[in-house]
Protein backbone atom coordinates (compact mmCIF):
# COMPACT_ATOMS: atom_id res chain seq x y z
CA UNK A 1 -31.85 -60.55 -60.87
CA UNK A 2 -28.51 -58.71 -61.03
CA UNK A 3 -28.09 -55.18 -62.29
CA UNK A 4 -26.46 -56.33 -65.53
CA UNK A 5 -29.66 -58.13 -66.50
CA UNK A 6 -31.75 -55.17 -65.39
CA UNK A 7 -29.70 -52.84 -67.58
CA UNK A 8 -30.04 -55.20 -70.54
CA UNK A 9 -33.81 -55.53 -70.04
CA UNK A 10 -34.11 -51.74 -69.76
CA UNK A 11 -32.30 -51.27 -73.07
CA UNK A 12 -34.34 -54.03 -74.77
CA UNK A 13 -37.59 -52.56 -73.44
CA UNK A 14 -36.67 -49.10 -74.72
CA UNK A 15 -35.73 -50.60 -78.10
CA UNK A 16 -39.00 -52.52 -78.41
CA UNK A 17 -41.02 -49.48 -77.39
CA UNK A 18 -39.10 -47.34 -79.85
CA UNK A 19 -39.86 -49.75 -82.73
CA UNK A 20 -43.51 -49.73 -81.79
CA UNK A 21 -43.59 -45.95 -81.50
CA UNK A 22 -41.77 -45.61 -84.84
CA UNK A 23 -44.40 -47.73 -86.57
CA UNK A 24 -47.25 -45.82 -84.95
CA UNK A 25 -45.61 -42.45 -85.69
CA UNK A 26 -45.23 -43.44 -89.35
CA UNK A 27 -48.99 -43.67 -89.71
CA UNK A 28 -49.84 -40.81 -87.33
CA UNK A 29 -47.11 -38.27 -87.93
CA UNK A 30 -49.37 -35.34 -87.11
CA UNK A 31 -50.39 -36.56 -83.67
CA UNK A 32 -48.59 -34.49 -81.02
CA UNK A 33 -48.63 -37.16 -78.31
CA UNK A 34 -47.36 -39.91 -80.61
CA UNK A 35 -44.58 -37.71 -81.92
CA UNK A 36 -43.63 -36.80 -78.35
CA UNK A 37 -43.43 -40.45 -77.26
CA UNK A 38 -41.47 -41.36 -80.38
CA UNK A 39 -38.96 -38.54 -79.85
CA UNK A 40 -38.48 -39.35 -76.15
CA UNK A 41 -37.99 -43.09 -76.86
CA UNK A 42 -35.54 -42.29 -79.64
CA UNK A 43 -33.45 -40.17 -77.27
CA UNK A 44 -33.69 -42.79 -74.52
CA UNK A 45 -32.52 -45.49 -76.95
CA UNK A 46 -29.58 -43.37 -78.09
CA UNK A 47 -28.61 -42.65 -74.48
CA UNK A 48 -28.91 -46.30 -73.49
CA UNK A 49 -26.87 -47.54 -76.46
CA UNK A 50 -24.19 -44.89 -75.90
CA UNK A 51 -23.82 -45.80 -72.20
CA UNK A 52 -23.90 -49.52 -73.02
CA UNK A 53 -21.04 -48.92 -75.44
CA UNK A 54 -19.14 -46.82 -72.88
CA UNK A 55 -19.51 -49.32 -70.02
CA UNK A 56 -18.74 -52.32 -72.22
CA UNK A 57 -15.67 -50.54 -73.62
CA UNK A 58 -14.20 -50.53 -70.13
CA UNK A 59 -13.86 -54.34 -70.18
CA UNK A 60 -13.79 -55.45 -73.83
CA UNK A 61 -14.33 -54.39 -77.45
CA UNK A 62 -18.04 -53.78 -78.07
CA UNK A 63 -19.09 -54.95 -81.57
CA UNK A 64 -15.40 -55.48 -82.37
CA UNK A 65 -14.66 -51.75 -82.10
CA UNK A 66 -10.99 -51.45 -81.12
CA UNK A 67 -10.49 -47.68 -80.95
CA UNK A 68 -10.04 -46.78 -77.24
CA UNK A 69 -11.93 -49.83 -76.00
CA UNK A 70 -11.04 -52.73 -73.66
CA UNK A 71 -9.62 -50.10 -71.31
CA UNK A 72 -8.84 -52.35 -68.37
CA UNK A 73 -6.93 -55.04 -70.35
CA UNK A 74 -5.25 -52.34 -72.45
CA UNK A 75 -4.18 -50.38 -69.34
CA UNK A 76 -3.55 -53.40 -67.18
CA UNK A 77 -0.41 -52.06 -65.48
CA UNK A 78 -1.98 -48.68 -64.80
CA UNK A 79 -5.09 -50.30 -63.30
CA UNK A 80 -3.02 -52.56 -61.06
CA UNK A 81 -0.89 -49.58 -59.97
CA UNK A 82 -3.98 -47.47 -59.27
CA UNK A 83 -5.64 -50.22 -57.20
CA UNK A 84 -2.45 -50.82 -55.23
CA UNK A 85 -2.05 -47.10 -54.61
CA UNK A 86 -5.67 -46.77 -53.52
CA UNK A 87 -5.37 -49.64 -51.05
CA UNK A 88 -2.08 -48.34 -49.66
CA UNK A 89 -2.86 -44.63 -49.62
CA UNK A 90 -6.62 -44.52 -49.07
CA UNK A 91 -8.04 -47.74 -47.61
CA UNK A 92 -5.06 -48.42 -45.32
CA UNK A 93 -3.88 -44.87 -44.63
CA UNK A 94 -1.47 -44.30 -41.80
CA UNK A 95 -3.96 -42.17 -39.87
CA UNK A 96 -6.55 -44.97 -39.94
CA UNK A 97 -3.96 -47.53 -38.88
CA UNK A 98 -2.83 -45.30 -36.03
CA UNK A 99 -6.42 -44.78 -34.89
CA UNK A 100 -6.90 -48.54 -34.63
CA UNK A 101 -3.60 -49.08 -32.84
CA UNK A 102 -4.34 -46.36 -30.29
CA UNK A 103 -7.46 -48.27 -29.27
CA UNK A 104 -5.36 -51.23 -28.09
CA UNK A 105 -3.75 -51.29 -24.61
CA UNK A 106 -0.34 -52.89 -24.96
CA UNK A 107 1.28 -51.85 -21.74
CA UNK A 108 -0.19 -54.25 -19.15
CA UNK A 109 0.64 -57.44 -21.01
CA UNK A 110 3.95 -55.95 -22.14
CA UNK A 111 5.06 -55.17 -18.59
CA UNK A 112 4.34 -58.75 -17.48
CA UNK A 113 6.14 -60.26 -20.42
CA UNK A 114 9.19 -57.98 -20.23
CA UNK A 115 9.50 -58.47 -16.48
CA UNK A 116 9.55 -62.21 -17.03
CA UNK A 117 12.21 -61.94 -19.75
CA UNK A 118 14.60 -59.68 -17.85
CA UNK A 119 13.22 -56.17 -17.60
CA UNK A 120 15.12 -53.22 -19.00
CA UNK A 121 18.02 -55.36 -20.24
CA UNK A 122 15.65 -57.35 -22.43
CA UNK A 123 14.07 -54.17 -23.80
CA UNK A 124 17.48 -52.69 -24.56
CA UNK A 125 18.66 -55.78 -26.41
CA UNK A 126 15.50 -55.82 -28.51
CA UNK A 127 15.26 -52.12 -29.31
CA UNK A 128 18.93 -51.37 -30.01
CA UNK A 129 19.17 -53.21 -33.38
CA UNK A 130 16.02 -51.55 -34.68
CA UNK A 131 17.18 -48.08 -33.63
CA UNK A 132 20.61 -48.72 -35.09
CA UNK A 133 19.17 -49.72 -38.47
CA UNK A 134 16.86 -46.73 -38.42
CA UNK A 135 19.69 -44.33 -37.59
CA UNK A 136 21.97 -45.85 -40.24
CA UNK A 137 19.38 -45.03 -42.92
CA UNK A 138 19.39 -41.36 -42.01
CA UNK A 139 21.35 -38.86 -44.06
CA UNK A 140 23.12 -36.19 -41.95
CA UNK A 141 22.98 -33.55 -44.68
CA UNK A 142 19.25 -34.08 -45.27
CA UNK A 143 18.49 -34.08 -41.55
CA UNK A 144 20.54 -30.93 -41.07
CA UNK A 145 18.81 -29.27 -44.00
CA UNK A 146 15.33 -30.09 -42.70
CA UNK A 147 16.22 -29.14 -39.13
CA UNK A 148 17.77 -25.82 -40.11
CA UNK A 149 14.80 -25.01 -42.35
CA UNK A 150 12.41 -25.86 -39.53
CA UNK A 151 14.31 -23.68 -37.09
CA UNK A 152 14.44 -20.76 -39.52
CA UNK A 153 10.73 -21.06 -40.31
CA UNK A 154 9.56 -21.29 -36.72
CA UNK A 155 12.17 -19.49 -34.64
CA UNK A 156 10.64 -16.09 -35.37
CA UNK A 157 7.78 -16.91 -33.00
CA UNK A 158 10.04 -18.21 -30.25
CA UNK A 159 10.60 -15.90 -27.28
CA UNK A 160 13.65 -17.31 -25.55
CA UNK A 161 13.94 -14.90 -22.64
CA UNK A 162 10.84 -16.22 -20.75
CA UNK A 163 12.11 -19.75 -21.29
CA UNK A 164 15.19 -18.95 -19.24
CA UNK A 165 13.02 -18.57 -16.15
CA UNK A 166 11.20 -21.80 -16.95
CA UNK A 167 14.50 -23.60 -17.54
CA UNK A 168 15.91 -22.33 -14.27
CA UNK A 169 12.79 -23.50 -12.43
CA UNK A 170 13.09 -26.90 -14.06
CA UNK A 171 16.79 -27.06 -13.14
CA UNK A 172 15.90 -26.15 -9.55
CA UNK A 173 13.22 -28.85 -9.32
CA UNK A 174 15.54 -31.44 -10.83
CA UNK A 175 18.31 -30.56 -8.39
CA UNK A 176 20.72 -29.24 -11.02
CA UNK A 177 20.99 -25.84 -9.31
CA UNK A 178 22.05 -27.51 -6.07
CA UNK A 179 24.50 -29.71 -7.95
CA UNK A 180 26.01 -26.65 -9.57
CA UNK A 181 26.30 -24.83 -6.24
CA UNK A 182 27.88 -27.91 -4.69
CA UNK A 183 30.48 -28.05 -7.44
CA UNK A 184 31.06 -24.32 -7.14
CA UNK A 185 31.53 -24.53 -3.36
CA UNK A 186 33.82 -27.55 -3.74
CA UNK A 187 35.93 -25.79 -6.32
CA UNK A 188 36.17 -22.61 -4.24
CA UNK A 189 37.07 -24.63 -1.15
CA UNK A 190 39.87 -26.42 -3.02
CA UNK A 191 41.16 -23.10 -4.29
CA UNK A 192 40.86 -21.39 -0.91
CA UNK A 193 42.75 -24.19 0.89
CA UNK A 194 45.84 -23.73 -1.25
CA UNK A 195 48.91 -21.90 0.00
CA UNK A 196 48.68 -19.51 -2.92
CA UNK A 197 45.39 -18.21 -1.55
CA UNK A 198 47.05 -17.53 1.82
CA UNK A 199 49.78 -15.55 0.08
CA UNK A 200 47.15 -13.49 -1.76
CA UNK A 201 45.42 -12.71 1.56
CA UNK A 202 48.76 -11.80 3.14
CA UNK A 203 49.67 -9.48 0.26
CA UNK A 204 46.25 -7.86 0.52
CA UNK A 205 46.73 -7.22 4.27
CA UNK A 206 50.19 -5.79 3.67
CA UNK A 207 48.78 -3.45 1.01
CA UNK A 208 46.16 -2.25 3.47
CA UNK A 209 48.83 -1.70 6.13
CA UNK A 210 51.05 0.25 3.75
CA UNK A 211 48.09 2.39 2.67
CA UNK A 212 47.16 3.18 6.25
CA UNK A 213 50.78 3.96 7.17
CA UNK A 214 51.22 6.20 4.14
CA UNK A 215 48.04 8.13 4.84
CA UNK A 216 48.59 8.34 8.61
CA UNK A 217 50.73 10.88 10.47
CA UNK A 218 54.02 10.40 12.22
CA UNK A 219 52.28 9.53 15.49
CA UNK A 220 50.28 6.81 13.73
CA UNK A 221 53.40 5.38 12.15
CA UNK A 222 55.15 5.38 15.52
CA UNK A 223 52.23 3.54 17.11
CA UNK A 224 52.23 0.98 14.32
CA UNK A 225 55.95 0.43 14.88
CA UNK A 226 55.43 -0.18 18.62
CA UNK A 227 52.59 -2.59 17.88
CA UNK A 228 54.69 -4.58 15.42
CA UNK A 229 57.63 -4.67 17.81
CA UNK A 230 55.41 -6.02 20.58
CA UNK A 231 54.01 -8.59 18.16
CA UNK A 232 50.55 -7.06 18.53
CA UNK A 233 50.13 -6.86 14.74
CA UNK A 234 51.12 -10.15 13.09
CA UNK A 235 49.99 -10.22 9.44
CA UNK A 236 50.94 -13.88 9.02
CA UNK A 237 48.61 -14.91 11.82
CA UNK A 238 45.89 -12.61 10.43
CA UNK A 239 46.23 -14.21 6.98
CA UNK A 240 45.96 -17.68 8.53
CA UNK A 241 42.85 -16.65 10.46
CA UNK A 242 41.21 -15.13 7.41
CA UNK A 243 41.96 -18.25 5.34
CA UNK A 244 40.44 -20.48 8.03
CA UNK A 245 37.38 -18.23 8.23
CA UNK A 246 37.04 -18.36 4.46
CA UNK A 247 37.19 -22.17 4.48
CA UNK A 248 34.57 -22.34 7.24
CA UNK A 249 32.29 -20.06 5.24
CA UNK A 250 32.69 -22.19 2.11
CA UNK A 251 31.95 -25.31 4.15
CA UNK A 252 28.70 -23.69 5.26
CA UNK A 253 27.95 -23.00 1.61
CA UNK A 254 28.06 -26.76 0.94
CA UNK A 255 25.21 -27.33 3.41
CA UNK A 256 21.96 -27.04 1.43
CA UNK A 257 20.00 -26.07 4.57
CA UNK A 258 22.38 -23.38 5.80
CA UNK A 259 20.93 -19.83 5.65
CA UNK A 260 23.90 -18.67 3.58
CA UNK A 261 23.26 -21.37 0.95
CA UNK A 262 19.49 -20.72 0.94
CA UNK A 263 20.03 -16.96 0.57
CA UNK A 264 22.51 -17.45 -2.27
CA UNK A 265 20.15 -19.76 -4.13
CA UNK A 266 17.18 -17.42 -3.65
CA UNK A 267 19.18 -14.44 -4.86
CA UNK A 268 20.35 -16.43 -7.89
CA UNK A 269 16.78 -17.36 -8.85
CA UNK A 270 15.61 -13.78 -8.32
CA UNK A 271 18.35 -12.46 -10.58
CA UNK A 272 17.46 -14.99 -13.29
CA UNK A 273 13.79 -14.04 -13.06
CA UNK A 274 14.64 -10.34 -13.26
CA UNK A 275 16.93 -10.95 -16.21
CA UNK A 276 14.15 -12.80 -18.04
CA UNK A 277 11.90 -9.75 -17.60
CA UNK A 278 14.52 -7.28 -18.78
CA UNK A 279 13.49 -5.89 -22.23
CA UNK A 280 17.06 -5.14 -23.17
CA UNK A 281 18.11 -8.70 -22.38
CA UNK A 282 15.24 -10.04 -24.49
CA UNK A 283 16.35 -7.87 -27.42
CA UNK A 284 19.89 -9.18 -27.09
CA UNK A 285 18.65 -12.77 -26.99
CA UNK A 286 16.51 -12.24 -30.10
CA UNK A 287 19.42 -10.61 -31.92
CA UNK A 288 21.69 -13.49 -31.01
CA UNK A 289 19.09 -16.01 -32.20
CA UNK A 290 18.59 -14.22 -35.53
CA UNK A 291 22.34 -13.92 -36.12
CA UNK A 292 22.84 -17.60 -35.40
CA UNK A 293 20.05 -18.80 -37.71
CA UNK A 294 21.18 -16.61 -40.60
CA UNK A 295 24.78 -17.73 -40.26
CA UNK A 296 25.76 -19.62 -43.49
CA UNK A 297 27.73 -22.17 -41.47
CA UNK A 298 24.74 -22.96 -39.24
CA UNK A 299 23.57 -25.84 -41.44
CA UNK A 300 27.13 -27.18 -41.73
CA UNK A 301 27.39 -27.12 -37.95
CA UNK A 302 24.14 -29.09 -37.60
CA UNK A 303 25.32 -31.60 -40.20
CA UNK A 304 28.58 -32.10 -38.32
CA UNK A 305 26.80 -32.61 -35.01
CA UNK A 306 24.21 -34.97 -36.49
CA UNK A 307 26.84 -36.92 -38.40
CA UNK A 308 28.96 -37.32 -35.27
CA UNK A 309 25.91 -38.43 -33.29
CA UNK A 310 24.94 -41.02 -35.94
CA UNK A 311 28.50 -42.31 -36.14
CA UNK A 312 28.75 -42.61 -32.36
CA UNK A 313 25.38 -44.32 -32.09
CA UNK A 314 26.03 -46.88 -34.84
CA UNK A 315 29.74 -47.62 -34.36
CA UNK A 316 30.46 -51.01 -32.76
CA UNK A 317 32.20 -50.98 -29.41
CA UNK A 318 35.96 -51.69 -29.41
CA UNK A 319 35.74 -53.24 -25.96
CA UNK A 320 33.57 -55.85 -24.33
CA UNK A 321 31.20 -53.08 -23.25
CA UNK A 322 28.11 -52.36 -25.40
CA UNK A 323 28.31 -49.48 -27.86
CA UNK A 324 27.17 -45.94 -27.07
CA UNK A 325 23.66 -46.42 -28.42
CA UNK A 326 23.11 -49.52 -26.28
CA UNK A 327 24.46 -47.81 -23.18
CA UNK A 328 22.40 -44.67 -23.68
CA UNK A 329 19.23 -46.64 -24.39
CA UNK A 330 19.75 -48.89 -21.37
CA UNK A 331 20.34 -45.85 -19.15
CA UNK A 332 16.94 -44.38 -20.00
CA UNK A 333 15.10 -47.70 -19.98
CA UNK A 334 16.53 -48.59 -16.58
CA UNK A 335 15.60 -45.15 -15.31
CA UNK A 336 11.96 -45.46 -16.32
CA UNK A 337 11.37 -49.18 -15.82
CA UNK A 338 10.22 -48.90 -12.20
CA UNK A 339 7.95 -45.96 -12.98
CA UNK A 340 6.48 -47.94 -15.86
CA UNK A 341 5.32 -50.64 -13.45
CA UNK A 342 4.00 -48.41 -10.67
CA UNK A 343 2.91 -45.10 -12.19
CA UNK A 344 -0.38 -45.17 -14.12
CA UNK A 345 0.21 -41.83 -15.80
CA UNK A 346 3.66 -42.99 -16.83
CA UNK A 347 2.18 -46.21 -18.21
CA UNK A 348 -0.13 -44.14 -20.37
CA UNK A 349 2.84 -42.18 -21.69
CA UNK A 350 4.71 -45.43 -22.29
CA UNK A 351 1.70 -46.78 -24.15
CA UNK A 352 1.78 -43.70 -26.36
CA UNK A 353 5.48 -44.34 -27.00
CA UNK A 354 4.72 -47.92 -28.06
CA UNK A 355 1.97 -46.68 -30.36
CA UNK A 356 4.34 -44.14 -31.92
CA UNK A 357 7.05 -46.78 -32.37
CA UNK A 358 4.66 -49.24 -34.01
CA UNK A 359 3.37 -46.51 -36.31
CA UNK A 360 6.92 -45.61 -37.34
CA UNK A 361 7.66 -49.27 -38.09
CA UNK A 362 4.47 -49.61 -40.11
CA UNK A 363 5.21 -46.37 -41.93
CA UNK A 364 8.68 -47.61 -42.90
CA UNK A 365 7.16 -50.83 -44.28
CA UNK A 366 3.95 -49.26 -45.57
CA UNK A 367 5.02 -49.70 -49.20
CA UNK A 368 4.83 -53.47 -48.69
CA UNK A 369 1.02 -53.18 -48.76
CA UNK A 370 1.05 -51.83 -52.31
CA UNK A 371 3.68 -54.41 -53.31
CA UNK A 372 1.46 -57.27 -52.09
CA UNK A 373 -1.57 -55.89 -53.96
CA UNK A 374 0.47 -55.56 -57.15
CA UNK A 375 1.74 -59.12 -56.90
CA UNK A 376 -1.77 -60.46 -56.33
CA UNK A 377 -3.35 -58.56 -59.23
CA UNK A 378 -0.44 -59.35 -61.56
CA UNK A 379 -1.37 -63.03 -61.32
CA UNK A 380 -4.88 -62.29 -62.66
CA UNK A 381 -5.72 -62.89 -66.31
CA UNK A 382 -7.49 -60.13 -68.25
CA UNK A 383 -10.79 -61.91 -67.70
CA UNK A 384 -10.11 -62.28 -63.97
CA UNK A 385 -9.17 -58.61 -63.73
CA UNK A 386 -12.38 -57.61 -65.53
CA UNK A 387 -14.40 -59.79 -63.18
CA UNK A 388 -12.60 -58.33 -60.17
CA UNK A 389 -13.57 -54.80 -61.18
CA UNK A 390 -17.13 -55.86 -62.02
CA UNK A 391 -17.52 -57.53 -58.64
CA UNK A 392 -16.50 -54.30 -56.92
CA UNK A 393 -18.18 -51.69 -59.11
CA UNK A 394 -20.37 -53.63 -61.53
CA UNK A 395 -23.71 -52.56 -60.06
CA UNK A 396 -22.83 -48.88 -60.29
CA UNK A 397 -21.63 -49.34 -63.86
CA UNK A 398 -24.90 -51.01 -64.86
CA UNK A 399 -26.81 -48.18 -63.23
CA UNK A 400 -24.92 -45.87 -65.56
CA UNK A 401 -26.55 -47.72 -68.46
CA UNK A 402 -30.01 -47.51 -66.88
CA UNK A 403 -29.51 -43.84 -66.09
CA UNK A 404 -28.36 -43.28 -69.69
CA UNK A 405 -31.75 -44.34 -71.01
CA UNK A 406 -33.57 -42.32 -68.36
CA UNK A 407 -31.51 -39.17 -68.85
CA UNK A 408 -31.69 -39.59 -72.62
CA UNK A 409 -35.50 -39.72 -72.42
CA UNK A 410 -35.63 -36.63 -70.20
CA UNK A 411 -33.30 -34.71 -72.51
CA UNK A 412 -35.40 -35.88 -75.48
CA UNK A 413 -38.55 -34.60 -73.80
CA UNK A 414 -36.98 -31.22 -73.10
CA UNK A 415 -35.55 -30.99 -76.61
CA UNK A 416 -38.89 -31.96 -78.21
CA UNK A 417 -40.78 -29.33 -76.21
CA UNK A 418 -38.14 -26.76 -77.11
CA UNK A 419 -38.46 -27.56 -80.81
CA UNK A 420 -42.25 -27.58 -80.79
CA UNK A 421 -42.91 -24.50 -78.68
CA UNK A 422 -39.80 -22.32 -79.03
CA UNK A 423 -37.61 -23.12 -82.00
CA UNK A 424 -40.18 -23.83 -84.78
CA UNK A 425 -42.86 -21.26 -83.93
CA UNK A 426 -40.59 -18.44 -82.73
CA UNK A 427 -36.91 -18.77 -83.65
CA UNK A 428 -37.41 -20.42 -87.00
CA UNK A 429 -40.23 -18.08 -88.01
CA UNK A 430 -38.12 -15.05 -87.04
CA UNK A 431 -35.21 -16.32 -89.09
CA UNK A 432 -37.42 -16.94 -92.12
CA UNK A 433 -38.90 -13.47 -91.92
CA UNK A 434 -35.42 -12.01 -91.65
CA UNK A 435 -34.17 -14.00 -94.65
CA UNK A 436 -37.16 -13.05 -96.78
């Protein structure tokens, strides 16, 4: 027996009992127990009929009553929209979808398949169109607005000075410090090998000689003259020697294992660490950060940078070479492809990347779920739509009817006891005495 029949039988039983109690109460109106039963059954019948009317009014017009009845057929579009929204936003929420996707290991089968198809080149060719479409849909002004707002909201808690030490340590581990020192040494060596540098050294030596001669006595000047005449003091040869010594020193600086290079690098890192701990430097960094973020043109600058990046990433190449987005993506995929196959920790990170990518794709197309539900429900007739709702929530709705009779009886019992023992003997008598 379904709950609809149970609710109907409950209402019929209450009605039959009420008729019987009404007849008995008519002939025994002074009997407390009979009056109690009659009152309770009357309230239970009213509650049952009211809830029957309310539940029936959801699906059709009870007894032909058309005022705010047949709610589902009358509000067909709203019901379909609400169901579609519930399925899309509640039953198939993005967090639930992500939780299920994270439980699947994609990476092992993916590595085998991609390796068979061509490795990083295959991945690049597949991912570039999706990224390009995604980037094309972005609005530079909106991205700049959100990014600038995020930076202004969160930058107050950022302490940039300690990050300088961390960044320098990262640069050292990645070899960027050594690359910078190599470029510095190369540039200095090129500059030092030029003839102009020799002339600067020669002029410097001549200035020293003139200073010594000017400050020395006549005997010193005479000695200097004899030395020059005997070719014992040749500034040109001294300049050449100093230039050669300078070039040899700079060549040593290119050697990463030379004590001079090691000492220079250690001193550089020590100075950076000391600078990061300097309170005055931290205050200056914070002031610079605050001035930059409050600058009215800051958002315009971000919009320009983002717009240029989007344009560069999405513009087709004018040559036979792939465009910038394809080249950049292939660079990173080629860089990490070997690690993806051999490094377990890296595979886990790559698996997380795949999960994030899939979730972004699903999020972009998440509205399709609601669209499919709307199309399916739109094909239903009013009767089919009523049956659909009854199949999903019919039992609970029929329990509302059963509970209506039960609650009505309980309320009737309480009300009867209140009338018999409180209202009539106390409140009513007090009012009558007051009126008289």
